C-alpha atoms as a PDB file:
ATOM      1  CA  MET A   1     -50.428 -64.035-100.644  1.00  0.00           C
ATOM      2  CA  ARG A   2     -50.216 -60.672-102.409  1.00  0.00           C
ATOM      3  CA  PHE A   3     -47.835 -57.932-103.397  1.00  0.00           C
ATOM      4  CA  THR A   4     -47.620 -55.337-100.469  1.00  0.00           C
ATOM      5  CA  GLY A   5     -45.626 -52.929-102.275  1.00  0.00           C
ATOM      6  CA  PHE A   6     -43.885 -50.016-100.580  1.00  0.00           C
ATOM      7  CA  ALA A   7     -45.999 -50.184 -97.219  1.00  0.00           C
ATOM      8  CA  ILE A   8     -44.055 -53.513 -96.450  1.00  0.00           C
ATOM      9  CA  VAL A   9     -40.771 -51.947 -97.131  1.00  0.00           C
ATOM     10  CA  VAL A  10     -41.191 -48.953 -94.973  1.00  0.00           C
ATOM     11  CA  LEU A  11     -42.805 -51.255 -92.310  1.00  0.00           C
ATOM     12  CA  THR A  12     -39.806 -53.560 -92.328  1.00  0.00           C
ATOM     13  CA  LEU A  13     -37.478 -50.867 -92.086  1.00  0.00           C
ATOM     14  CA  VAL A  14     -39.342 -49.483 -88.866  1.00  0.00           C
ATOM     15  CA  ASN A  15     -39.241 -53.032 -87.233  1.00  0.00           C
ATOM     16  CA  ASN A  16     -35.632 -54.004 -88.117  1.00  0.00           C
ATOM     17  CA  GLY A  17     -34.052 -50.864 -88.152  1.00  0.00           C
ATOM     18  CA  PHE A  18     -30.732 -49.806 -90.076  1.00  0.00           C
ATOM     19  CA  ALA A  19     -28.823 -52.660 -88.468  1.00  0.00           C
ATOM     20  CA  LEU A  20     -29.964 -54.979 -91.321  1.00  0.00           C
ATOM     21  CA  ALA A  21     -28.203 -53.228 -93.750  1.00  0.00           C
ATOM     22  CA  GLN A  22     -25.028 -52.806 -91.923  1.00  0.00           C
ATOM     23  CA  GLN A  23     -25.186 -56.651 -90.941  1.00  0.00           C
ATOM     24  CA  ASN A  24     -26.056 -57.932 -94.322  1.00  0.00           C
ATOM     25  CA  ALA A  25     -23.564 -55.529 -96.342  1.00  0.00           C
ATOM     26  CA  LYS A  26     -20.712 -57.436 -94.990  1.00  0.00           C
ATOM     27  CA  ALA A  27     -21.734 -60.806 -96.951  1.00  0.00           C
ATOM     28  CA  SER A  28     -22.427 -58.593-100.163  1.00  0.00           C
ATOM     29  CA  SER A  29     -19.390 -58.553-102.460  1.00  0.00           C
ATOM     30  CA  GLY A  30     -18.821 -55.011-104.278  1.00  0.00           C
ATOM     31  CA  ILE A  31     -21.212 -52.935-101.816  1.00  0.00           C
ATOM     32  CA  THR A  32     -19.587 -50.340 -99.835  1.00  0.00           C
ATOM     33  CA  LEU A  33     -21.836 -48.521 -97.342  1.00  0.00           C
ATOM     34  CA  ALA A  34     -19.970 -45.195 -96.881  1.00  0.00           C
ATOM     35  CA  ASN A  35     -22.511 -43.461 -94.710  1.00  0.00           C
ATOM     36  CA  ARG A  36     -26.056 -43.687 -93.373  1.00  0.00           C
ATOM     37  CA  ALA A  37     -27.981 -42.652 -96.614  1.00  0.00           C
ATOM     38  CA  ASP A  38     -25.961 -45.732 -98.356  1.00  0.00           C
ATOM     39  CA  SER A  39     -27.419 -47.927 -95.278  1.00  0.00           C
ATOM     40  CA  VAL A  40     -30.908 -46.599 -96.220  1.00  0.00           C
ATOM     41  CA  ALA A  41     -30.452 -47.401 -99.592  1.00  0.00           C
ATOM     42  CA  TYR A  42     -29.278 -50.595 -98.922  1.00  0.00           C
ATOM     43  CA  ALA A  43     -32.074 -51.534 -96.301  1.00  0.00           C
ATOM     44  CA  PHE A  44     -34.474 -50.634 -98.995  1.00  0.00           C
ATOM     45  CA  GLY A  45     -33.063 -52.849-101.397  1.00  0.00           C
ATOM     46  CA  VAL A  46     -32.953 -55.866 -98.921  1.00  0.00           C
ATOM     47  CA  SER A  47     -36.559 -55.316 -97.953  1.00  0.00           C
ATOM     48  CA  ILE A  48     -37.778 -55.087-101.627  1.00  0.00           C
ATOM     49  CA  GLY A  49     -35.685 -58.296-102.440  1.00  0.00           C
ATOM     50  CA  GLN A  50     -37.166 -60.241 -99.326  1.00  0.00           C
ATOM     51  CA  ASP A  51     -40.680 -59.025-100.187  1.00  0.00           C
ATOM     52  CA  LEU A  52     -40.258 -60.229-103.917  1.00  0.00           C
ATOM     53  CA  LYS A  53     -38.801 -63.744-102.589  1.00  0.00           C
ATOM     54  CA  ARG A  54     -41.694 -64.267-100.153  1.00  0.00           C
ATOM     55  CA  THR A  55     -43.936 -64.136-103.139  1.00  0.00           C
ATOM     56  CA  GLY A  56     -42.042 -66.771-105.007  1.00  0.00           C
ATOM     57  CA  ILE A  57     -40.147 -64.253-107.322  1.00  0.00           C
ATOM     58  CA  GLU A  58     -36.718 -65.236-107.170  1.00  0.00           C
ATOM     59  CA  GLN A  59     -35.108 -63.740-110.173  1.00  0.00           C
ATOM     60  CA  VAL A  60     -35.969 -60.163-111.631  1.00  0.00           C
ATOM     61  CA  ASN A  61     -33.844 -57.866-113.962  1.00  0.00           C
ATOM     62  CA  ALA A  62     -32.465 -55.875-111.129  1.00  0.00           C
ATOM     63  CA  ASP A  63     -31.014 -53.271-113.539  1.00  0.00           C
ATOM     64  CA  ILE A  64     -34.391 -52.330-114.731  1.00  0.00           C
ATOM     65  CA  LEU A  65     -35.818 -52.371-111.145  1.00  0.00           C
ATOM     66  CA  ALA A  66     -33.151 -49.877-110.235  1.00  0.00           C
ATOM     67  CA  LYS A  67     -33.625 -47.754-113.032  1.00  0.00           C
ATOM     68  CA  ALA A  68     -37.426 -47.516-112.661  1.00  0.00           C
ATOM     69  CA  VAL A  69     -36.940 -46.725-108.884  1.00  0.00           C
ATOM     70  CA  THR A  70     -34.489 -43.953-110.020  1.00  0.00           C
ATOM     71  CA  ALA A  71     -36.775 -42.642-112.652  1.00  0.00           C
ATOM     72  CA  THR A  72     -40.069 -42.472-110.440  1.00  0.00           C
ATOM     73  CA  LEU A  73     -38.056 -40.716-107.578  1.00  0.00           C
ATOM     74  CA  ALA A  74     -36.922 -38.146-110.172  1.00  0.00           C
ATOM     75  CA  GLY A  75     -40.429 -37.510-110.998  1.00  0.00           C
ATOM     76  CA  GLU A  76     -40.324 -39.077-114.643  1.00  0.00           C
ATOM     77  CA  ALA A  77     -43.768 -40.537-115.993  1.00  0.00           C
ATOM     78  CA  ALA A  78     -44.013 -44.100-115.745  1.00  0.00           C
ATOM     79  CA  ARG A  79     -44.081 -46.576-118.862  1.00  0.00           C
ATOM     80  CA  PHE A  80     -47.468 -47.734-117.589  1.00  0.00           C
ATOM     81  CA  ASP A  81     -50.605 -46.465-115.908  1.00  0.00           C
ATOM     82  CA  ALA A  82     -51.674 -47.497-112.440  1.00  0.00           C
ATOM     83  CA  ASP A  83     -53.915 -50.319-113.821  1.00  0.00           C
ATOM     84  CA  GLU A  84     -51.155 -51.691-115.937  1.00  0.00           C
ATOM     85  CA  VAL A  85     -48.676 -51.917-113.164  1.00  0.00           C
ATOM     86  CA  ARG A  86     -51.119 -53.610-110.822  1.00  0.00           C
ATOM     87  CA  GLU A  87     -51.931 -56.181-113.621  1.00  0.00           C
ATOM     88  CA  LEU A  88     -48.382 -56.740-114.351  1.00  0.00           C
ATOM     89  CA  ILE A  89     -47.493 -56.990-110.565  1.00  0.00           C
ATOM     90  CA  MET A  90     -50.602 -59.306-109.848  1.00  0.00           C
ATOM     91  CA  HIS A  91     -50.197 -61.429-112.989  1.00  0.00           C
ATOM     92  CA  THR A  92     -46.543 -62.339-111.974  1.00  0.00           C
ATOM     93  CA  VAL A  93     -46.931 -62.813-108.412  1.00  0.00           C
ATOM     94  CA  THR A  94     -49.971 -64.956-108.785  1.00  0.00           C
ATOM     95  CA  GLY A  95     -48.161 -67.285-111.213  1.00  0.00           C
ATOM     96  CA  ALA A  96     -45.312 -67.481-109.005  1.00  0.00           C
ATOM     97  CA  LYS A  97     -47.262 -68.162-105.937  1.00  0.00           C
ATOM     98  CA  ASN A  98     -49.064 -70.938-107.481  1.00  0.00           C
ATOM     99  CA  LYS A  99     -45.770 -72.454-108.689  1.00  0.00           C
ATOM    100  CA  MET A 100     -44.221 -72.109-105.211  1.00  0.00           C
ATOM    101  CA  ASP A 101     -47.475 -73.649-103.496  1.00  0.00           C
ATOM    102  CA  GLU A 102     -47.328 -76.618-105.781  1.00  0.00           C
ATOM    103  CA  ARG A 103     -43.585 -77.275-104.793  1.00  0.00           C
ATOM    104  CA  LEU A 104     -44.411 -76.772-101.181  1.00  0.00           C
ATOM    105  CA  LYS A 105     -47.541 -79.187-101.193  1.00  0.00           C
ATOM    106  CA  GLY A 106     -45.315 -81.905-103.111  1.00  0.00           C
ATOM    107  CA  GLU A 107     -42.658 -81.700-100.480  1.00  0.00           C
ATOM    108  CA  ALA A 108     -45.379 -81.858 -97.667  1.00  0.00           C
ATOM    109  CA  LEU A 109     -47.029 -84.948 -99.222  1.00  0.00           C
ATOM    110  CA  ALA A 110     -43.533 -86.491 -99.749  1.00  0.00           C
ATOM    111  CA  PHE A 111     -42.584 -86.133 -96.302  1.00  0.00           C
ATOM    112  CA  MET A 112     -45.960 -87.476 -94.678  1.00  0.00           C
ATOM    113  CA  GLU A 113     -45.836 -90.477 -97.096  1.00  0.00           C
ATOM    114  CA  SER A 114     -42.072 -91.196 -96.359  1.00  0.00           C
ATOM    115  CA  ASN A 115     -42.599 -90.734 -92.604  1.00  0.00           C
ATOM    116  CA  GLY A 116     -45.633 -92.914 -92.514  1.00  0.00           C
ATOM    117  CA  ALA A 117     -43.688 -96.023 -94.000  1.00  0.00           C
ATOM    118  CA  ARG A 118     -41.032 -95.862 -91.007  1.00  0.00           C
ATOM    119  CA  GLU A 119     -41.614 -98.635 -88.420  1.00  0.00           C
ATOM    120  CA  GLY A 120     -43.455 -97.714 -85.290  1.00  0.00           C
ATOM    121  CA  VAL A 121     -45.386 -94.882 -86.943  1.00  0.00           C
ATOM    122  CA  GLN A 122     -49.247 -95.191 -87.183  1.00  0.00           C
ATOM    123  CA  THR A 123     -51.548 -93.343 -89.360  1.00  0.00           C
ATOM    124  CA  THR A 124     -55.195 -92.542 -88.470  1.00  0.00           C
ATOM    125  CA  ALA A 125     -57.927 -92.125 -91.161  1.00  0.00           C
ATOM    126  CA  SER A 126     -57.429 -88.333 -91.197  1.00  0.00           C
ATOM    127  CA  GLY A 127     -53.915 -88.713 -91.994  1.00  0.00           C
ATOM    128  CA  LEU A 128     -52.545 -87.850 -88.693  1.00  0.00           C
ATOM    129  CA  GLN A 129     -49.266 -89.993 -87.646  1.00  0.00           C
ATOM    130  CA  TYR A 130     -48.064 -90.758 -84.405  1.00  0.00           C
ATOM    131  CA  GLU A 131     -45.162 -92.558 -82.583  1.00  0.00           C
ATOM    132  CA  ILE A 132     -46.054 -93.979 -79.050  1.00  0.00           C
ATOM    133  CA  ILE A 133     -42.811 -93.133 -76.984  1.00  0.00           C
ATOM    134  CA  ARG A 134     -44.407 -93.753 -73.619  1.00  0.00           C
ATOM    135  CA  LYS A 135     -47.778 -95.163 -72.698  1.00  0.00           C
ATOM    136  CA  GLY A 136     -49.928 -93.588 -70.026  1.00  0.00           C
ATOM    137  CA  THR A 137     -52.182 -95.238 -67.533  1.00  0.00           C
ATOM    138  CA  GLY A 138     -54.501 -92.150 -66.592  1.00  0.00           C
ATOM    139  CA  GLU A 139     -57.738 -90.381 -68.214  1.00  0.00           C
ATOM    140  CA  THR A 140     -58.024 -89.915 -71.715  1.00  0.00           C
ATOM    141  CA  PRO A 141     -59.278 -86.143 -72.709  1.00  0.00           C
ATOM    142  CA  THR A 142     -62.234 -85.456 -74.553  1.00  0.00           C
ATOM    143  CA  TYR A 143     -62.879 -82.517 -77.084  1.00  0.00           C
ATOM    144  CA  ALA A 144     -64.544 -80.512 -74.209  1.00  0.00           C
ATOM    145  CA  ASP A 145     -61.511 -81.075 -71.579  1.00  0.00           C
ATOM    146  CA  THR A 146     -58.846 -79.220 -70.567  1.00  0.00           C
ATOM    147  CA  VAL A 147     -55.156 -80.519 -70.551  1.00  0.00           C
ATOM    148  CA  THR A 148     -51.873 -79.604 -69.166  1.00  0.00           C
ATOM    149  CA  VAL A 149     -48.959 -80.766 -71.363  1.00  0.00           C
ATOM    150  CA  HIS A 150     -45.172 -80.300 -72.180  1.00  0.00           C
ATOM    151  CA  TYR A 151     -44.556 -80.111 -75.703  1.00  0.00           C
ATOM    152  CA  LYS A 152     -41.853 -79.417 -78.367  1.00  0.00           C
ATOM    153  CA  GLY A 153     -42.949 -78.283 -82.031  1.00  0.00           C
ATOM    154  CA  GLN A 154     -40.502 -78.607 -85.048  1.00  0.00           C
ATOM    155  CA  LEU A 155     -40.958 -78.298 -88.846  1.00  0.00           C
ATOM    156  CA  SER A 156     -40.082 -81.252 -90.891  1.00  0.00           C
ATOM    157  CA  ASN A 157     -36.598 -79.791 -91.421  1.00  0.00           C
ATOM    158  CA  GLY A 158     -35.985 -80.200 -87.565  1.00  0.00           C
ATOM    159  CA  LYS A 159     -36.441 -76.528 -86.764  1.00  0.00           C
ATOM    160  CA  VAL A 160     -37.844 -75.959 -83.505  1.00  0.00           C
ATOM    161  CA  PHE A 161     -40.509 -73.146 -83.487  1.00  0.00           C
ATOM    162  CA  ASP A 162     -42.104 -73.488 -80.086  1.00  0.00           C
ATOM    163  CA  SER A 163     -41.206 -75.538 -76.802  1.00  0.00           C
ATOM    164  CA  SER A 164     -42.762 -75.488 -73.169  1.00  0.00           C
ATOM    165  CA  TYR A 165     -39.645 -77.225 -72.208  1.00  0.00           C
ATOM    166  CA  ASP A 166     -37.333 -74.084 -73.201  1.00  0.00           C
ATOM    167  CA  ARG A 167     -39.899 -72.040 -71.040  1.00  0.00           C
ATOM    168  CA  GLY A 168     -39.524 -74.084 -68.300  1.00  0.00           C
ATOM    169  CA  GLU A 169     -43.242 -74.832 -67.456  1.00  0.00           C
ATOM    170  CA  PRO A 170     -45.988 -76.793 -69.215  1.00  0.00           C
ATOM    171  CA  ALA A 171     -48.934 -75.270 -71.134  1.00  0.00           C
ATOM    172  CA  THR A 172     -52.675 -75.648 -70.102  1.00  0.00           C
ATOM    173  CA  PHE A 173     -55.388 -75.172 -72.553  1.00  0.00           C
ATOM    174  CA  GLU A 174     -58.990 -76.312 -73.765  1.00  0.00           C
ATOM    175  CA  LEU A 175     -58.630 -79.115 -76.309  1.00  0.00           C
ATOM    176  CA  ALA A 176     -61.408 -77.384 -78.133  1.00  0.00           C
ATOM    177  CA  ASP A 177     -59.108 -74.319 -78.840  1.00  0.00           C
ATOM    178  CA  VAL A 178     -56.212 -75.942 -80.499  1.00  0.00           C
ATOM    179  CA  ILE A 179     -55.339 -77.214 -84.066  1.00  0.00           C
ATOM    180  CA  ALA A 180     -57.082 -80.187 -85.495  1.00  0.00           C
ATOM    181  CA  GLY A 181     -54.109 -82.412 -85.054  1.00  0.00           C
ATOM    182  CA  TRP A 182     -53.607 -81.708 -81.352  1.00  0.00           C
ATOM    183  CA  GLN A 183     -57.229 -82.143 -80.980  1.00  0.00           C
ATOM    184  CA  GLU A 184     -57.113 -85.745 -82.445  1.00  0.00           C
ATOM    185  CA  GLY A 185     -53.760 -86.725 -81.276  1.00  0.00           C
ATOM    186  CA  LEU A 186     -54.513 -85.733 -77.766  1.00  0.00           C
ATOM    187  CA  GLN A 187     -57.484 -88.103 -77.492  1.00  0.00           C
ATOM    188  CA  LEU A 188     -55.396 -90.896 -78.513  1.00  0.00           C
ATOM    189  CA  MET A 189     -53.422 -90.500 -75.383  1.00  0.00           C
ATOM    190  CA  GLN A 190     -53.710 -91.266 -71.621  1.00  0.00           C
ATOM    191  CA  ALA A 191     -52.490 -88.984 -69.042  1.00  0.00           C
ATOM    192  CA  GLY A 192     -48.713 -89.855 -68.226  1.00  0.00           C
ATOM    193  CA  ALA A 193     -48.171 -90.463 -71.892  1.00  0.00           C
ATOM    194  CA  HIS A 194     -45.276 -89.215 -74.307  1.00  0.00           C
ATOM    195  CA  TYR A 195     -46.475 -89.404 -78.218  1.00  0.00           C
ATOM    196  CA  ARG A 196     -44.702 -87.931 -81.237  1.00  0.00           C
ATOM    197  CA  LEU A 197     -47.295 -86.487 -83.436  1.00  0.00           C
ATOM    198  CA  TYR A 198     -47.022 -85.869 -87.138  1.00  0.00           C
ATOM    199  CA  LEU A 199     -49.305 -83.368 -88.827  1.00  0.00           C
ATOM    200  CA  PRO A 200     -50.197 -82.962 -92.103  1.00  0.00           C
ATOM    201  CA  TYR A 201     -50.548 -79.430 -93.114  1.00  0.00           C
ATOM    202  CA  GLU A 202     -54.174 -79.590 -93.453  1.00  0.00           C
ATOM    203  CA  MET A 203     -54.337 -80.436 -89.567  1.00  0.00           C
ATOM    204  CA  GLY A 204     -51.907 -77.692 -88.554  1.00  0.00           C
ATOM    205  CA  TYR A 205     -51.658 -74.222 -90.010  1.00  0.00           C
ATOM    206  CA  GLY A 206     -52.768 -75.005 -93.476  1.00  0.00           C
ATOM    207  CA  GLU A 207     -51.955 -73.294 -96.636  1.00  0.00           C
ATOM    208  CA  ARG A 208     -51.179 -69.856 -95.024  1.00  0.00           C
ATOM    209  CA  GLY A 209     -48.917 -71.123 -92.164  1.00  0.00           C
ATOM    210  CA  ALA A 210     -48.271 -68.937 -88.964  1.00  0.00           C
ATOM    211  CA  GLY A 211     -46.293 -66.009 -88.652  1.00  0.00           C
ATOM    212  CA  GLU A 212     -42.516 -66.233 -89.726  1.00  0.00           C
ATOM    213  CA  ASP A 213     -41.742 -69.386 -87.842  1.00  0.00           C
ATOM    214  CA  ILE A 214     -44.292 -71.770 -89.736  1.00  0.00           C
ATOM    215  CA  PRO A 215     -44.339 -71.516 -93.611  1.00  0.00           C
ATOM    216  CA  PRO A 216     -47.267 -72.143 -95.721  1.00  0.00           C
ATOM    217  CA  PHE A 217     -47.914 -76.034 -96.392  1.00  0.00           C
ATOM    218  CA  SER A 218     -45.995 -77.157 -93.302  1.00  0.00           C
ATOM    219  CA  PRO A 219     -46.088 -80.537 -91.841  1.00  0.00           C
ATOM    220  CA  LEU A 220     -45.757 -80.269 -88.204  1.00  0.00           C
ATOM    221  CA  ILE A 221     -43.997 -82.673 -85.715  1.00  0.00           C
ATOM    222  CA  PHE A 222     -45.013 -82.475 -82.004  1.00  0.00           C
ATOM    223  CA  ASP A 223     -43.432 -84.191 -79.004  1.00  0.00           C
ATOM    224  CA  VAL A 224     -46.242 -84.096 -76.205  1.00  0.00           C
ATOM    225  CA  GLU A 225     -46.220 -85.276 -72.734  1.00  0.00           C
ATOM    226  CA  LEU A 226     -49.873 -85.417 -71.609  1.00  0.00           C
ATOM    227  CA  ILE A 227     -49.408 -84.533 -67.802  1.00  0.00           C
ATOM    228  CA  THR A 228     -53.027 -83.884 -66.466  1.00  0.00           C
ATOM    229  CA  VAL A 229     -56.650 -84.031 -67.808  1.00  0.00           C
ATOM    230  CA  LYS A 230     -59.243 -81.652 -66.392  1.00  0.00           C
ATOM    231  CA  LYS A 231     -62.711 -83.087 -67.173  1.00  0.00           C
ATOM    232  CA  SER A 232     -65.372 -80.537 -68.491  1.00  0.00           C
ATOM    233  CA  GLY A 233     -67.060 -79.589 -65.048  1.00  0.00           C
ATOM    234  CA  ASP A 234     -64.650 -80.938 -62.852  1.00  0.00           C
ATOM    235  CA  ALA A 235     -63.250 -78.805 -59.983  1.00  0.00           C
ATOM    236  CA  THR A 236     -59.589 -80.424 -60.094  1.00  0.00           C
ATOM    237  CA  PRO A 237     -57.554 -82.161 -62.899  1.00  0.00           C
ATOM    238  CA  VAL A 238     -57.114 -85.681 -62.957  1.00  0.00           C
ATOM    239  CA  VAL A 239     -53.391 -86.225 -62.065  1.00  0.00           C
ATOM    240  CA  THR A 240     -51.451 -89.541 -62.889  1.00  0.00           C
ATOM    241  CA  ASP A 241     -48.072 -90.633 -61.823  1.00  0.00           C
ATOM    242  CA  PRO A 242     -45.586 -87.736 -62.281  1.00  0.00           C
ATOM    243  CA  VAL A 243     -44.100 -87.644 -65.976  1.00  0.00           C
ATOM    244  CA  ASN A 244     -40.796 -89.274 -66.135  1.00  0.00           C
ATOM    245  CA  GLU A 245     -38.513 -86.865 -66.795  1.00  0.00           C
ATOM    246  CA  SER A 246     -35.703 -89.202 -68.051  1.00  0.00           C
ATOM    247  CA  GLY A 247     -38.295 -90.571 -70.587  1.00  0.00           C
ATOM    248  CA  ARG A 248     -38.189 -87.551 -72.840  1.00  0.00           C
END
């Protein structure tokens, strides 16, 4: 992660609009937004604060920050040249990110260790963990096959970030095209089975995460029902008994 500067602030404003300022202002004591210009100023402040927080910086001298912004907008000369500004920012951001990364990695490891100790949870040599909710009786997919599944994905805190159930239809994909935890986990299953997979972050979206929904270093939990397996080169999928909806 790197400090993105004013470009991110402006982009955030374009994407989120001025409603962000008006919404958050209600929860901010002592801030009165009398007009659109006040809302614009508040929106910039929110965006700058969120950008700093994403880098792991949770405390900053807001008074100095505000004075620096005011002086710069007024055309006053900066106390530091461009290289010094860049060095101060990058040194601080790098340190904060490293500290945040270590905390997130520690939390991820603690979750996987605690979860792996639960009764019924099995752990493979790679670190993938799984529970068998319902066994299947059909074909087991290989790396080259295409599968159709119903699934729900959530973070270790229980927040759901994706669900084919919510969309009302299963997903079909080639096993070679998905994350490592799915590739290994699905090859443990037979069509008709329902497993709960616990992916260490290395087998999910790694140190970067994915978009806004999956933070860096996130262990992932997937409920997966394997519906059909289409073997590589086959014209039709291998279908087993219909998935028992009540067994979810």
